[in-house]
Amino acid sequence: MSHAGSNEQQVKHGHHGSTPAAWTTVVIICIAFLVGTLAVMLGNWPMFWVGAALVVVGAIVGKIMQTAGLGTIPRR
């Protein structure tokens, strides 16, 4: 069975967060985890806290970009 309404909703939300805001947030947080992981391996605690701070920065940057309109896919 096919429901026209469910098909329209899938198209509307089919981007799965692939927006500039989402990608920027993910990249910053991935870098943060890389920095934090290297810090733990090296036993460098100040570097670890820089990585932890980058996670927060990534979340803030993503929210700012989303608020600025970069968190949505342009309608065709």
N, C-alpha and C. Protein backbone atom coordinates (compact mmCIF):
# COMPACT_ATOMS: atom_id res chain seq x y z
N MET A 1 0.83 -1.18 0.00
CA MET A 1 0.00 0.00 0.00
C MET A 1 0.88 1.25 0.00
N SER A 2 0.44 2.21 -0.75
CA SER A 2 1.18 3.46 -0.84
C SER A 2 0.32 4.61 -0.36
N HIS A 3 0.89 5.43 0.48
CA HIS A 3 0.20 6.61 0.97
C HIS A 3 0.89 7.83 0.39
N ALA A 4 0.14 8.67 -0.26
CA ALA A 4 0.72 9.86 -0.89
C ALA A 4 1.34 10.78 0.17
N GLY A 5 0.72 10.90 1.32
CA GLY A 5 1.23 11.78 2.37
C GLY A 5 2.58 11.33 2.89
N SER A 6 2.78 10.02 3.07
CA SER A 6 4.06 9.54 3.58
C SER A 6 5.17 9.74 2.55
N ASN A 7 4.83 9.61 1.26
CA ASN A 7 5.82 9.83 0.21
C ASN A 7 6.27 11.29 0.19
N GLU A 8 5.33 12.21 0.35
CA GLU A 8 5.67 13.63 0.37
C GLU A 8 6.55 13.94 1.57
N GLN A 9 6.28 13.31 2.70
CA GLN A 9 7.07 13.58 3.89
C GLN A 9 8.50 13.04 3.71
N GLN A 10 8.65 11.90 3.06
CA GLN A 10 9.99 11.37 2.81
C GLN A 10 10.79 12.32 1.92
N VAL A 11 10.17 12.88 0.93
CA VAL A 11 10.86 13.81 0.04
C VAL A 11 11.24 15.06 0.82
N LYS A 12 10.35 15.54 1.66
CA LYS A 12 10.59 16.75 2.43
C LYS A 12 11.77 16.57 3.39
N HIS A 13 11.88 15.41 4.02
CA HIS A 13 12.92 15.17 5.02
C HIS A 13 13.97 14.19 4.52
N GLY A 14 14.12 14.03 3.22
CA GLY A 14 15.02 13.05 2.66
C GLY A 14 16.49 13.45 2.64
N HIS A 15 16.84 14.65 3.10
CA HIS A 15 18.22 15.11 3.02
C HIS A 15 19.08 14.57 4.16
N HIS A 16 18.50 14.05 5.20
CA HIS A 16 19.21 13.45 6.34
C HIS A 16 20.25 14.39 6.95
N GLY A 17 19.97 15.66 6.97
CA GLY A 17 20.87 16.61 7.60
C GLY A 17 22.07 17.02 6.77
N SER A 18 22.06 16.76 5.49
CA SER A 18 23.19 17.13 4.63
C SER A 18 23.12 18.61 4.29
N THR A 19 23.42 19.43 5.27
CA THR A 19 23.40 20.88 5.10
C THR A 19 24.78 21.43 5.44
N PRO A 20 25.08 22.64 5.00
CA PRO A 20 26.38 23.23 5.37
C PRO A 20 26.58 23.30 6.89
N ALA A 21 25.52 23.61 7.63
CA ALA A 21 25.64 23.68 9.09
C ALA A 21 25.97 22.32 9.67
N ALA A 22 25.31 21.29 9.19
CA ALA A 22 25.54 19.94 9.72
C ALA A 22 26.95 19.45 9.38
N TRP A 23 27.37 19.65 8.13
CA TRP A 23 28.70 19.20 7.74
C TRP A 23 29.80 19.94 8.49
N THR A 24 29.64 21.23 8.67
CA THR A 24 30.63 22.01 9.41
C THR A 24 30.73 21.52 10.84
N THR A 25 29.57 21.29 11.47
CA THR A 25 29.55 20.80 12.84
C THR A 25 30.26 19.45 12.94
N VAL A 26 29.95 18.55 12.04
CA VAL A 26 30.56 17.21 12.06
C VAL A 26 32.07 17.29 11.86
N VAL A 27 32.52 18.11 10.93
CA VAL A 27 33.96 18.22 10.67
C VAL A 27 34.69 18.77 11.90
N ILE A 28 34.15 19.83 12.51
CA ILE A 28 34.79 20.42 13.69
C ILE A 28 34.83 19.41 14.83
N ILE A 29 33.73 18.70 15.06
CA ILE A 29 33.70 17.74 16.16
C ILE A 29 34.61 16.54 15.88
N CYS A 30 34.71 16.11 14.64
CA CYS A 30 35.65 15.02 14.30
C CYS A 30 37.09 15.46 14.56
N ILE A 31 37.42 16.69 14.19
CA ILE A 31 38.76 17.21 14.49
C ILE A 31 38.98 17.27 15.99
N ALA A 32 37.95 17.67 16.73
CA ALA A 32 38.05 17.73 18.19
C ALA A 32 38.34 16.36 18.78
N PHE A 33 37.67 15.33 18.28
CA PHE A 33 37.91 13.99 18.79
C PHE A 33 39.30 13.50 18.40
N LEU A 34 39.77 13.87 17.23
CA LEU A 34 41.13 13.51 16.82
C LEU A 34 42.15 14.16 17.76
N VAL A 35 41.97 15.44 18.03
CA VAL A 35 42.86 16.16 18.95
C VAL A 35 42.82 15.52 20.33
N GLY A 36 41.62 15.23 20.82
CA GLY A 36 41.48 14.61 22.14
C GLY A 36 42.10 13.23 22.21
N THR A 37 41.95 12.45 21.16
CA THR A 37 42.53 11.11 21.12
C THR A 37 44.05 11.18 21.12
N LEU A 38 44.60 12.05 20.28
CA LEU A 38 46.05 12.21 20.26
C LEU A 38 46.57 12.69 21.61
N ALA A 39 45.83 13.58 22.25
CA ALA A 39 46.24 14.10 23.56
C ALA A 39 46.30 12.98 24.60
N VAL A 40 45.32 12.10 24.60
CA VAL A 40 45.32 10.99 25.55
C VAL A 40 46.49 10.05 25.27
N MET A 41 46.73 9.78 23.98
CA MET A 41 47.84 8.90 23.61
C MET A 41 49.19 9.49 24.02
N LEU A 42 49.30 10.81 23.93
CA LEU A 42 50.55 11.48 24.28
C LEU A 42 50.62 11.87 25.76
N GLY A 43 49.52 11.75 26.47
CA GLY A 43 49.47 12.14 27.87
C GLY A 43 49.53 13.65 28.06
N ASN A 44 49.01 14.38 27.08
CA ASN A 44 49.05 15.84 27.10
C ASN A 44 47.67 16.37 27.49
N TRP A 45 47.48 16.66 28.77
CA TRP A 45 46.15 17.06 29.24
C TRP A 45 45.70 18.43 28.76
N PRO A 46 46.57 19.42 28.65
CA PRO A 46 46.09 20.70 28.07
C PRO A 46 45.55 20.53 26.64
N MET A 47 46.23 19.69 25.86
CA MET A 47 45.76 19.40 24.51
C MET A 47 44.41 18.69 24.54
N PHE A 48 44.22 17.82 25.51
CA PHE A 48 42.93 17.13 25.66
C PHE A 48 41.81 18.14 25.89
N TRP A 49 42.05 19.11 26.76
CA TRP A 49 41.02 20.11 27.06
C TRP A 49 40.76 21.03 25.87
N VAL A 50 41.77 21.23 25.02
CA VAL A 50 41.54 21.97 23.77
C VAL A 50 40.58 21.17 22.89
N GLY A 51 40.79 19.87 22.81
CA GLY A 51 39.88 19.01 22.05
C GLY A 51 38.46 19.06 22.60
N ALA A 52 38.34 19.02 23.93
CA ALA A 52 37.02 19.09 24.55
C ALA A 52 36.35 20.43 24.25
N ALA A 53 37.13 21.50 24.28
CA ALA A 53 36.58 22.83 23.97
C ALA A 53 36.14 22.90 22.51
N LEU A 54 36.86 22.23 21.62
CA LEU A 54 36.48 22.24 20.20
C LEU A 54 35.13 21.56 19.97
N VAL A 55 34.78 20.59 20.79
CA VAL A 55 33.46 19.97 20.67
C VAL A 55 32.38 21.02 20.93
N VAL A 56 32.58 21.81 21.97
CA VAL A 56 31.62 22.86 22.29
C VAL A 56 31.59 23.91 21.18
N VAL A 57 32.76 24.30 20.68
CA VAL A 57 32.84 25.27 19.59
C VAL A 57 32.10 24.76 18.37
N GLY A 58 32.28 23.48 18.04
CA GLY A 58 31.59 22.90 16.89
C GLY A 58 30.08 22.98 17.03
N ALA A 59 29.58 22.67 18.22
CA ALA A 59 28.13 22.73 18.45
C ALA A 59 27.62 24.17 18.32
N ILE A 60 28.37 25.12 18.85
CA ILE A 60 27.96 26.53 18.78
C ILE A 60 27.99 27.03 17.34
N VAL A 61 29.05 26.71 16.62
CA VAL A 61 29.16 27.14 15.22
C VAL A 61 28.01 26.56 14.39
N GLY A 62 27.71 25.28 14.61
CA GLY A 62 26.61 24.64 13.89
C GLY A 62 25.28 25.31 14.17
N LYS A 63 25.04 25.65 15.43
CA LYS A 63 23.77 26.31 15.79
C LYS A 63 23.69 27.70 15.18
N ILE A 64 24.80 28.42 15.19
CA ILE A 64 24.82 29.76 14.58
C ILE A 64 24.54 29.65 13.08
N MET A 65 25.18 28.69 12.42
CA MET A 65 24.96 28.51 10.98
C MET A 65 23.52 28.11 10.69
N GLN A 66 22.96 27.25 11.53
CA GLN A 66 21.56 26.84 11.35
C GLN A 66 20.64 28.05 11.50
N THR A 67 20.90 28.87 12.50
CA THR A 67 20.09 30.07 12.72
C THR A 67 20.21 31.04 11.56
N ALA A 68 21.39 31.08 10.93
CA ALA A 68 21.62 31.97 9.78
C ALA A 68 21.00 31.45 8.50
N GLY A 69 20.37 30.27 8.57
CA GLY A 69 19.68 29.74 7.40
C GLY A 69 20.47 28.70 6.62
N LEU A 70 21.61 28.30 7.14
CA LEU A 70 22.43 27.31 6.45
C LEU A 70 22.13 25.88 6.91
N GLY A 71 21.09 25.74 7.70
CA GLY A 71 20.73 24.42 8.20
C GLY A 71 19.57 23.80 7.48
N THR A 72 19.22 24.34 6.31
CA THR A 72 18.12 23.80 5.54
C THR A 72 18.56 23.62 4.09
N ILE A 73 17.93 22.67 3.44
CA ILE A 73 18.19 22.42 2.02
C ILE A 73 17.34 23.39 1.21
N PRO A 74 17.91 24.10 0.24
CA PRO A 74 17.09 25.00 -0.58
C PRO A 74 16.01 24.21 -1.34
N ARG A 75 14.83 24.78 -1.40
CA ARG A 75 13.73 24.12 -2.13
C ARG A 75 13.95 24.29 -3.61
N ARG A 76 13.62 23.23 -4.34
CA ARG A 76 13.79 23.26 -5.79
C ARG A 76 12.53 23.69 -6.46
